[in-house]
Amino acid sequence: MLRVGGLTRCSASDFPGRLAAVVFCQGCAWRCGYCHNAHLQPRRGREEIAWPQVLAFLERRRGLLDAVVFSGGEPTQQRGLGRAMRAVKALGYLVGLHTAGIVPRRLAEVLPLVDWVAMDVKASFEEHEAVTGTRGSARRARASMQLLRASGIACEFHTLSRAGSAPGRAPA
């Protein structure tokens, strides 16, 4: 179902104002030189966690955690993302998503299941392809931004500072 490359069991910083588990989805098509999760870029990871194990953990944490955030890698590359989000919702959790907007079509499919989104904007649209190493990445990121802004879902857009080294946040 979902290829999981890692799990943070409790985070106070990945979903605003909530305690959350973070599910790190395996696989990312972009090759940003500054990626801090480069081990999640391959479609298959060396040490994947079975999705049923993640669900069993989340079942045990009901009442202790508020939310589950799908991060990556890039969650929208996985066909099973919607099913996984529905399973998490059925357990009573809020759902968060960290994305770079790689697959706008899938983002549109899962937005009705999501309570909050953080989108990484990798560079200006003029420089986007040079940063991601992927033709068409700016077009896809722009389409995803437009979907998010039109959705009314609480979201943040994460950017790099002008110096290119310190993370910043741009309000939606």
N, C-alpha and C. Protein backbone atom coordinates (compact mmCIF):
# COMPACT_ATOMS: atom_id res chain seq x y z
N MET A 1 0.84 -1.19 0.00
CA MET A 1 0.00 0.00 0.00
C MET A 1 0.88 1.25 0.00
N LEU A 2 1.33 1.70 1.14
CA LEU A 2 2.16 2.89 1.24
C LEU A 2 3.58 2.45 1.58
N ARG A 3 4.57 2.97 0.84
CA ARG A 3 5.97 2.68 1.15
C ARG A 3 6.46 3.72 2.15
N VAL A 4 6.80 3.26 3.34
CA VAL A 4 7.18 4.14 4.44
C VAL A 4 8.67 3.97 4.71
N GLY A 5 9.40 5.07 4.59
CA GLY A 5 10.84 5.04 4.81
C GLY A 5 11.26 5.46 6.20
N GLY A 6 10.31 5.94 7.00
CA GLY A 6 10.64 6.35 8.36
C GLY A 6 9.39 6.81 9.09
N LEU A 7 9.51 6.90 10.41
CA LEU A 7 8.40 7.30 11.26
C LEU A 7 8.94 8.08 12.45
N THR A 8 8.43 9.29 12.63
CA THR A 8 8.69 10.04 13.85
C THR A 8 7.47 9.83 14.73
N ARG A 9 7.68 9.27 15.88
CA ARG A 9 6.56 8.85 16.73
C ARG A 9 5.84 9.99 17.44
N CYS A 10 6.53 11.11 17.65
CA CYS A 10 5.88 12.26 18.28
C CYS A 10 6.65 13.52 17.93
N SER A 11 5.95 14.47 17.35
CA SER A 11 6.54 15.75 16.98
C SER A 11 5.61 16.87 17.42
N ALA A 12 6.20 17.91 17.97
CA ALA A 12 5.43 19.10 18.34
C ALA A 12 5.61 20.22 17.31
N SER A 13 6.33 19.94 16.22
CA SER A 13 6.62 21.00 15.26
C SER A 13 6.18 20.71 13.83
N ASP A 14 5.55 19.60 13.56
CA ASP A 14 5.21 19.25 12.18
C ASP A 14 3.76 19.50 11.82
N PHE A 15 2.92 19.84 12.79
CA PHE A 15 1.53 20.21 12.55
C PHE A 15 1.23 21.32 13.55
N PRO A 16 0.91 22.52 13.09
CA PRO A 16 0.77 23.66 14.01
C PRO A 16 -0.17 23.40 15.19
N GLY A 17 0.37 23.57 16.39
CA GLY A 17 -0.44 23.47 17.60
C GLY A 17 -0.88 22.08 17.99
N ARG A 18 -0.35 21.06 17.37
CA ARG A 18 -0.78 19.68 17.63
C ARG A 18 0.41 18.76 17.80
N LEU A 19 0.21 17.70 18.56
CA LEU A 19 1.20 16.62 18.63
C LEU A 19 0.90 15.65 17.50
N ALA A 20 1.93 15.32 16.76
CA ALA A 20 1.71 14.51 15.56
C ALA A 20 2.77 13.43 15.40
N ALA A 21 2.37 12.35 14.79
CA ALA A 21 3.32 11.37 14.26
C ALA A 21 3.59 11.81 12.82
N VAL A 22 4.81 11.55 12.35
CA VAL A 22 5.16 11.90 10.98
C VAL A 22 5.55 10.63 10.24
N VAL A 23 4.83 10.36 9.16
CA VAL A 23 5.08 9.21 8.30
C VAL A 23 5.90 9.71 7.11
N PHE A 24 7.12 9.22 6.97
CA PHE A 24 8.00 9.63 5.88
C PHE A 24 7.83 8.66 4.72
N CYS A 25 7.20 9.13 3.66
CA CYS A 25 6.95 8.31 2.48
C CYS A 25 8.23 8.17 1.67
N GLN A 26 8.45 6.97 1.18
CA GLN A 26 9.64 6.66 0.39
C GLN A 26 9.44 7.12 -1.05
N GLY A 27 10.44 7.75 -1.63
CA GLY A 27 10.43 8.12 -3.03
C GLY A 27 10.24 9.59 -3.29
N CYS A 28 11.10 10.15 -4.14
CA CYS A 28 10.96 11.53 -4.61
C CYS A 28 11.63 11.62 -5.98
N ALA A 29 10.92 12.20 -6.93
CA ALA A 29 11.44 12.31 -8.29
C ALA A 29 12.40 13.47 -8.47
N TRP A 30 12.37 14.42 -7.54
CA TRP A 30 13.25 15.58 -7.67
C TRP A 30 14.56 15.32 -6.96
N ARG A 31 15.60 15.99 -7.40
CA ARG A 31 16.96 15.79 -6.87
C ARG A 31 17.57 17.12 -6.43
N CYS A 32 16.91 17.78 -5.49
CA CYS A 32 17.39 19.05 -4.97
C CYS A 32 18.72 18.82 -4.24
N GLY A 33 19.71 19.61 -4.56
CA GLY A 33 21.05 19.43 -4.00
C GLY A 33 21.12 19.58 -2.50
N TYR A 34 20.19 20.29 -1.90
CA TYR A 34 20.21 20.53 -0.46
C TYR A 34 19.24 19.62 0.31
N CYS A 35 18.71 18.60 -0.32
CA CYS A 35 17.73 17.72 0.31
C CYS A 35 18.25 17.16 1.62
N HIS A 36 17.47 17.29 2.68
CA HIS A 36 17.88 16.73 3.98
C HIS A 36 17.32 15.33 4.21
N ASN A 37 16.55 14.82 3.26
CA ASN A 37 16.03 13.45 3.34
C ASN A 37 16.42 12.67 2.09
N ALA A 38 17.65 12.84 1.65
CA ALA A 38 18.10 12.20 0.41
C ALA A 38 17.95 10.67 0.45
N HIS A 39 18.00 10.09 1.63
CA HIS A 39 17.82 8.63 1.74
C HIS A 39 16.40 8.20 1.36
N LEU A 40 15.47 9.15 1.30
CA LEU A 40 14.10 8.84 0.92
C LEU A 40 13.85 9.03 -0.58
N GLN A 41 14.84 9.50 -1.33
CA GLN A 41 14.64 9.74 -2.76
C GLN A 41 14.37 8.47 -3.57
N PRO A 42 15.09 7.38 -3.36
CA PRO A 42 14.80 6.17 -4.16
C PRO A 42 13.37 5.66 -3.91
N ARG A 43 12.78 5.06 -4.95
CA ARG A 43 11.41 4.53 -4.81
C ARG A 43 11.32 3.44 -3.74
N ARG A 44 12.37 2.71 -3.57
CA ARG A 44 12.42 1.66 -2.54
C ARG A 44 13.53 1.98 -1.56
N GLY A 45 13.23 1.82 -0.26
CA GLY A 45 14.22 2.10 0.76
C GLY A 45 14.82 0.82 1.30
N ARG A 46 15.97 0.97 1.91
CA ARG A 46 16.63 -0.20 2.52
C ARG A 46 15.90 -0.71 3.75
N GLU A 47 15.32 0.22 4.49
CA GLU A 47 14.67 -0.14 5.76
C GLU A 47 13.26 0.41 5.81
N GLU A 48 12.41 -0.06 4.94
CA GLU A 48 11.03 0.40 4.94
C GLU A 48 10.26 -0.20 6.11
N ILE A 49 9.24 0.53 6.54
CA ILE A 49 8.36 0.08 7.62
C ILE A 49 7.04 -0.32 6.97
N ALA A 50 6.55 -1.48 7.26
CA ALA A 50 5.29 -1.96 6.67
C ALA A 50 4.13 -1.07 7.14
N TRP A 51 3.26 -0.69 6.20
CA TRP A 51 2.13 0.17 6.54
C TRP A 51 1.27 -0.42 7.66
N PRO A 52 0.99 -1.74 7.69
CA PRO A 52 0.22 -2.28 8.82
C PRO A 52 0.89 -2.04 10.19
N GLN A 53 2.22 -2.03 10.22
CA GLN A 53 2.93 -1.71 11.46
C GLN A 53 2.68 -0.27 11.88
N VAL A 54 2.68 0.63 10.91
CA VAL A 54 2.42 2.04 11.20
C VAL A 54 1.00 2.20 11.74
N LEU A 55 0.04 1.55 11.10
CA LEU A 55 -1.35 1.63 11.57
C LEU A 55 -1.51 1.07 12.97
N ALA A 56 -0.83 -0.03 13.27
CA ALA A 56 -0.89 -0.61 14.62
C ALA A 56 -0.33 0.38 15.64
N PHE A 57 0.77 1.05 15.31
CA PHE A 57 1.33 2.06 16.20
C PHE A 57 0.32 3.19 16.43
N LEU A 58 -0.29 3.67 15.34
CA LEU A 58 -1.25 4.77 15.45
C LEU A 58 -2.48 4.36 16.26
N GLU A 59 -2.89 3.13 16.13
CA GLU A 59 -4.01 2.62 16.94
C GLU A 59 -3.67 2.71 18.43
N ARG A 60 -2.46 2.33 18.78
CA ARG A 60 -2.03 2.38 20.19
C ARG A 60 -1.88 3.81 20.71
N ARG A 61 -1.65 4.77 19.84
CA ARG A 61 -1.41 6.16 20.25
C ARG A 61 -2.67 7.03 20.23
N ARG A 62 -3.81 6.42 19.91
CA ARG A 62 -5.07 7.19 19.92
C ARG A 62 -5.26 7.83 21.28
N GLY A 63 -5.64 9.09 21.29
CA GLY A 63 -5.83 9.83 22.52
C GLY A 63 -4.56 10.49 23.02
N LEU A 64 -3.41 10.10 22.50
CA LEU A 64 -2.14 10.71 22.90
C LEU A 64 -1.61 11.65 21.82
N LEU A 65 -1.88 11.32 20.57
CA LEU A 65 -1.48 12.16 19.45
C LEU A 65 -2.74 12.77 18.83
N ASP A 66 -2.58 13.93 18.22
CA ASP A 66 -3.71 14.61 17.59
C ASP A 66 -3.76 14.41 16.09
N ALA A 67 -2.58 14.24 15.47
CA ALA A 67 -2.52 14.28 14.01
C ALA A 67 -1.47 13.33 13.48
N VAL A 68 -1.58 13.05 12.20
CA VAL A 68 -0.57 12.29 11.46
C VAL A 68 -0.22 13.12 10.23
N VAL A 69 1.07 13.35 10.05
CA VAL A 69 1.56 14.13 8.92
C VAL A 69 2.26 13.19 7.95
N PHE A 70 1.89 13.28 6.69
CA PHE A 70 2.55 12.51 5.64
C PHE A 70 3.59 13.42 5.01
N SER A 71 4.84 13.00 5.08
CA SER A 71 5.96 13.79 4.60
C SER A 71 6.80 12.90 3.69
N GLY A 72 8.01 13.32 3.41
CA GLY A 72 8.79 12.47 2.52
C GLY A 72 10.25 12.82 2.49
N GLY A 73 10.78 12.33 1.42
CA GLY A 73 10.34 11.96 0.10
C GLY A 73 9.20 12.87 -0.36
N GLU A 74 8.37 12.32 -1.21
CA GLU A 74 7.21 13.05 -1.71
C GLU A 74 5.97 12.17 -1.65
N PRO A 75 5.08 12.43 -0.68
CA PRO A 75 3.90 11.59 -0.49
C PRO A 75 2.98 11.51 -1.71
N THR A 76 2.86 12.60 -2.47
CA THR A 76 1.90 12.58 -3.59
C THR A 76 2.34 11.69 -4.74
N GLN A 77 3.53 11.14 -4.68
CA GLN A 77 3.97 10.19 -5.71
C GLN A 77 3.39 8.79 -5.48
N GLN A 78 2.85 8.55 -4.30
CA GLN A 78 2.37 7.21 -3.98
C GLN A 78 0.86 7.07 -4.23
N ARG A 79 0.51 6.07 -5.00
CA ARG A 79 -0.90 5.82 -5.32
C ARG A 79 -1.73 5.52 -4.09
N GLY A 80 -1.12 4.93 -3.06
CA GLY A 80 -1.86 4.55 -1.86
C GLY A 80 -2.06 5.67 -0.85
N LEU A 81 -1.66 6.89 -1.19
CA LEU A 81 -1.74 7.99 -0.22
C LEU A 81 -3.17 8.25 0.25
N GLY A 82 -4.11 8.29 -0.66
CA GLY A 82 -5.50 8.54 -0.27
C GLY A 82 -6.05 7.47 0.65
N ARG A 83 -5.77 6.20 0.34
CA ARG A 83 -6.24 5.11 1.21
C ARG A 83 -5.60 5.22 2.60
N ALA A 84 -4.33 5.55 2.63
CA ALA A 84 -3.64 5.69 3.92
C ALA A 84 -4.24 6.84 4.73
N MET A 85 -4.51 7.94 4.07
CA MET A 85 -5.12 9.08 4.77
C MET A 85 -6.50 8.74 5.30
N ARG A 86 -7.28 8.02 4.51
CA ARG A 86 -8.62 7.61 4.98
C ARG A 86 -8.51 6.70 6.20
N ALA A 87 -7.53 5.80 6.21
CA ALA A 87 -7.33 4.91 7.36
C ALA A 87 -6.97 5.71 8.60
N VAL A 88 -6.16 6.73 8.44
CA VAL A 88 -5.74 7.58 9.56
C VAL A 88 -6.93 8.39 10.07
N LYS A 89 -7.73 8.93 9.15
CA LYS A 89 -8.94 9.67 9.52
C LYS A 89 -9.90 8.77 10.30
N ALA A 90 -10.02 7.51 9.86
CA ALA A 90 -10.93 6.57 10.54
C ALA A 90 -10.50 6.31 11.98
N LEU A 91 -9.22 6.50 12.27
CA LEU A 91 -8.73 6.36 13.65
C LEU A 91 -8.97 7.63 14.47
N GLY A 92 -9.47 8.68 13.83
CA GLY A 92 -9.80 9.90 14.55
C GLY A 92 -8.73 10.98 14.52
N TYR A 93 -7.71 10.80 13.70
CA TYR A 93 -6.62 11.78 13.63
C TYR A 93 -6.90 12.88 12.62
N LEU A 94 -6.33 14.05 12.89
CA LEU A 94 -6.22 15.08 11.87
C LEU A 94 -5.13 14.62 10.90
N VAL A 95 -5.20 15.08 9.65
CA VAL A 95 -4.22 14.69 8.65
C VAL A 95 -3.47 15.93 8.14
N GLY A 96 -2.15 15.83 8.18
CA GLY A 96 -1.30 16.88 7.62
C GLY A 96 -0.52 16.32 6.44
N LEU A 97 -0.06 17.22 5.59
CA LEU A 97 0.70 16.82 4.41
C LEU A 97 1.85 17.79 4.21
N HIS A 98 3.04 17.26 4.06
CA HIS A 98 4.21 18.03 3.60
C HIS A 98 4.45 17.61 2.17
N THR A 99 4.49 18.56 1.25
CA THR A 99 4.64 18.24 -0.17
C THR A 99 5.48 19.31 -0.86
N ALA A 100 6.03 18.95 -1.99
CA ALA A 100 6.68 19.92 -2.86
C ALA A 100 5.81 20.18 -4.09
N GLY A 101 4.64 19.56 -4.13
CA GLY A 101 3.73 19.78 -5.24
C GLY A 101 4.10 19.03 -6.50
N ILE A 102 4.75 17.89 -6.34
CA ILE A 102 5.26 17.15 -7.49
C ILE A 102 4.15 16.56 -8.36
N VAL A 103 3.05 16.12 -7.74
CA VAL A 103 1.97 15.48 -8.49
C VAL A 103 0.66 16.22 -8.19
N PRO A 104 0.39 17.33 -8.91
CA PRO A 104 -0.81 18.11 -8.63
C PRO A 104 -2.10 17.30 -8.72
N ARG A 105 -2.17 16.37 -9.66
CA ARG A 105 -3.39 15.55 -9.81
C ARG A 105 -3.69 14.78 -8.53
N ARG A 106 -2.66 14.18 -7.94
CA ARG A 106 -2.87 13.42 -6.70
C ARG A 106 -3.13 14.36 -5.53
N LEU A 107 -2.48 15.51 -5.53
CA LEU A 107 -2.76 16.50 -4.48
C LEU A 107 -4.24 16.87 -4.51
N ALA A 108 -4.79 17.10 -5.69
CA ALA A 108 -6.21 17.42 -5.82
C ALA A 108 -7.08 16.30 -5.27
N GLU A 109 -6.67 15.06 -5.48
CA GLU A 109 -7.44 13.90 -5.00
C GLU A 109 -7.47 13.83 -3.48
N VAL A 110 -6.35 14.16 -2.83
CA VAL A 110 -6.28 13.98 -1.37
C VAL A 110 -6.65 15.22 -0.58
N LEU A 111 -6.73 16.38 -1.22
CA LEU A 111 -7.05 17.60 -0.47
C LEU A 111 -8.32 17.49 0.38
N PRO A 112 -9.38 16.82 -0.08
CA PRO A 112 -10.56 16.70 0.79
C PRO A 112 -10.30 15.93 2.09
N LEU A 113 -9.20 15.18 2.15
CA LEU A 113 -8.88 14.39 3.34
C LEU A 113 -7.93 15.11 4.30
N VAL A 114 -7.40 16.25 3.88
CA VAL A 114 -6.32 16.91 4.58
C VAL A 114 -6.83 18.08 5.42
N ASP A 115 -6.26 18.24 6.61
CA ASP A 115 -6.62 19.35 7.50
C ASP A 115 -5.62 20.49 7.45
N TRP A 116 -4.40 20.21 7.03
CA TRP A 116 -3.34 21.22 6.98
C TRP A 116 -2.25 20.76 6.02
N VAL A 117 -1.65 21.71 5.28
CA VAL A 117 -0.61 21.39 4.31
C VAL A 117 0.55 22.37 4.45
N ALA A 118 1.76 21.85 4.37
CA ALA A 118 2.97 22.67 4.21
C ALA A 118 3.55 22.30 2.85
N MET A 119 3.77 23.31 2.02
CA MET A 119 4.35 23.05 0.70
C MET A 119 5.72 23.70 0.63
N ASP A 120 6.71 22.90 0.26
CA ASP A 120 8.06 23.41 0.04
C ASP A 120 8.15 23.98 -1.37
N VAL A 121 8.43 25.26 -1.45
CA VAL A 121 8.65 25.91 -2.73
C VAL A 121 10.16 25.94 -2.91
N LYS A 122 10.66 25.13 -3.81
CA LYS A 122 12.09 24.86 -3.91
C LYS A 122 12.93 26.03 -4.40
N ALA A 123 12.33 26.92 -5.20
CA ALA A 123 13.06 28.06 -5.76
C ALA A 123 12.05 28.94 -6.48
N SER A 124 12.51 30.08 -6.99
CA SER A 124 11.65 30.88 -7.85
C SER A 124 11.28 30.00 -9.05
N PHE A 125 10.17 30.29 -9.68
CA PHE A 125 9.76 29.45 -10.81
C PHE A 125 10.77 29.51 -11.95
N GLU A 126 11.49 30.61 -12.07
CA GLU A 126 12.52 30.72 -13.10
C GLU A 126 13.71 29.80 -12.82
N GLU A 127 13.99 29.53 -11.55
CA GLU A 127 15.14 28.72 -11.16
C GLU A 127 14.76 27.30 -10.74
N HIS A 128 13.49 27.01 -10.74
CA HIS A 128 12.97 25.77 -10.16
C HIS A 128 13.60 24.53 -10.79
N GLU A 129 13.63 24.45 -12.10
CA GLU A 129 14.16 23.25 -12.77
C GLU A 129 15.64 23.06 -12.49
N ALA A 130 16.37 24.15 -12.35
CA ALA A 130 17.80 24.03 -12.04
C ALA A 130 18.00 23.45 -10.64
N VAL A 131 17.12 23.79 -9.72
CA VAL A 131 17.23 23.29 -8.34
C VAL A 131 16.78 21.84 -8.24
N THR A 132 15.65 21.51 -8.89
CA THR A 132 15.09 20.15 -8.76
C THR A 132 15.73 19.15 -9.71
N GLY A 133 16.39 19.65 -10.75
CA GLY A 133 16.97 18.75 -11.74
C GLY A 133 15.91 18.07 -12.58
N THR A 134 14.71 18.66 -12.65
CA THR A 134 13.59 18.00 -13.31
C THR A 134 12.85 18.97 -14.22
N ARG A 135 12.75 18.61 -15.48
CA ARG A 135 12.02 19.42 -16.45
C ARG A 135 10.53 19.45 -16.07
N GLY A 136 9.94 20.62 -16.11
CA GLY A 136 8.51 20.76 -15.82
C GLY A 136 8.19 20.91 -14.34
N SER A 137 9.20 20.92 -13.48
CA SER A 137 8.91 20.99 -12.04
C SER A 137 8.25 22.31 -11.65
N ALA A 138 8.62 23.40 -12.27
CA ALA A 138 8.02 24.70 -11.94
C ALA A 138 6.53 24.70 -12.27
N ARG A 139 6.17 24.14 -13.41
CA ARG A 139 4.77 24.07 -13.81
C ARG A 139 3.95 23.27 -12.81
N ARG A 140 4.50 22.14 -12.37
CA ARG A 140 3.78 21.30 -11.40
C ARG A 140 3.67 21.98 -10.04
N ALA A 141 4.75 22.62 -9.60
CA ALA A 141 4.71 23.32 -8.30
C ALA A 141 3.70 24.47 -8.35
N ARG A 142 3.69 25.19 -9.43
CA ARG A 142 2.74 26.32 -9.56
C ARG A 142 1.29 25.80 -9.54
N ALA A 143 1.03 24.71 -10.26
CA ALA A 143 -0.32 24.14 -10.27
C ALA A 143 -0.73 23.70 -8.87
N SER A 144 0.20 23.10 -8.14
CA SER A 144 -0.10 22.65 -6.77
C SER A 144 -0.36 23.84 -5.85
N MET A 145 0.42 24.89 -6.00
CA MET A 145 0.19 26.10 -5.19
C MET A 145 -1.20 26.66 -5.46
N GLN A 146 -1.59 26.70 -6.72
CA GLN A 146 -2.91 27.22 -7.07
C GLN A 146 -4.03 26.36 -6.48
N LEU A 147 -3.85 25.03 -6.52
CA LEU A 147 -4.83 24.13 -5.90
C LEU A 147 -4.96 24.41 -4.41
N LEU A 148 -3.82 24.54 -3.75
CA LEU A 148 -3.85 24.79 -2.31
C LEU A 148 -4.52 26.10 -1.97
N ARG A 149 -4.14 27.14 -2.67
CA ARG A 149 -4.71 28.46 -2.37
C ARG A 149 -6.21 28.48 -2.62
N ALA A 150 -6.69 27.75 -3.63
CA ALA A 150 -8.12 27.72 -3.94
C ALA A 150 -8.90 26.81 -3.00
N SER A 151 -8.22 25.90 -2.31
CA SER A 151 -8.90 24.89 -1.50
C SER A 151 -9.48 25.44 -0.20
N GLY A 152 -8.91 26.49 0.34
CA GLY A 152 -9.35 27.00 1.63
C GLY A 152 -8.79 26.24 2.81
N ILE A 153 -7.98 25.23 2.55
CA ILE A 153 -7.35 24.44 3.61
C ILE A 153 -6.21 25.25 4.21
N ALA A 154 -6.06 25.18 5.52
CA ALA A 154 -4.95 25.87 6.19
C ALA A 154 -3.64 25.35 5.61
N CYS A 155 -2.76 26.29 5.23
CA CYS A 155 -1.50 25.87 4.63
C CYS A 155 -0.40 26.89 4.86
N GLU A 156 0.81 26.42 4.67
CA GLU A 156 2.01 27.25 4.72
C GLU A 156 2.82 26.94 3.47
N PHE A 157 3.56 27.94 3.00
CA PHE A 157 4.49 27.73 1.90
C PHE A 157 5.88 27.99 2.45
N HIS A 158 6.71 26.97 2.43
CA HIS A 158 8.08 27.07 2.95
C HIS A 158 9.02 27.39 1.80
N THR A 159 9.89 28.35 2.04
CA THR A 159 10.84 28.79 1.02
C THR A 159 12.23 28.85 1.61
N LEU A 160 13.20 29.13 0.78
CA LEU A 160 14.56 29.42 1.26
C LEU A 160 14.72 30.92 1.28
N SER A 161 15.59 31.39 2.17
CA SER A 161 15.87 32.82 2.22
C SER A 161 16.62 33.24 0.97
N ARG A 162 16.77 34.51 0.77
CA ARG A 162 17.51 35.02 -0.40
C ARG A 162 18.93 34.49 -0.42
N ALA A 163 19.50 34.28 0.76
CA ALA A 163 20.86 33.75 0.82
C ALA A 163 20.90 32.29 0.43
N GLY A 164 19.72 31.63 0.42
CA GLY A 164 19.66 30.24 -0.01
C GLY A 164 20.06 29.24 1.04
N SER A 165 20.26 29.70 2.28
CA SER A 165 20.72 28.75 3.29
C SER A 165 19.80 28.59 4.47
N ALA A 166 19.00 29.57 4.77
CA ALA A 166 18.14 29.49 5.95
C ALA A 166 16.70 29.32 5.52
N PRO A 167 15.97 28.39 6.14
CA PRO A 167 14.57 28.21 5.78
C PRO A 167 13.75 29.42 6.21
N GLY A 168 12.71 29.68 5.48
CA GLY A 168 11.78 30.74 5.81
C GLY A 168 10.38 30.28 5.55
N ARG A 169 9.41 31.06 5.97
CA ARG A 169 8.01 30.71 5.71
C ARG A 169 7.32 31.88 5.07
N ALA A 170 6.60 31.61 4.03
CA ALA A 170 5.80 32.62 3.36
C ALA A 170 4.35 32.31 3.62
N PRO A 171 3.60 33.26 4.15
CA PRO A 171 2.17 32.98 4.44
C PRO A 171 1.40 32.73 3.16
N ALA A 172 0.35 31.93 3.28
CA ALA A 172 -0.49 31.59 2.12
C ALA A 172 -1.32 32.78 1.69
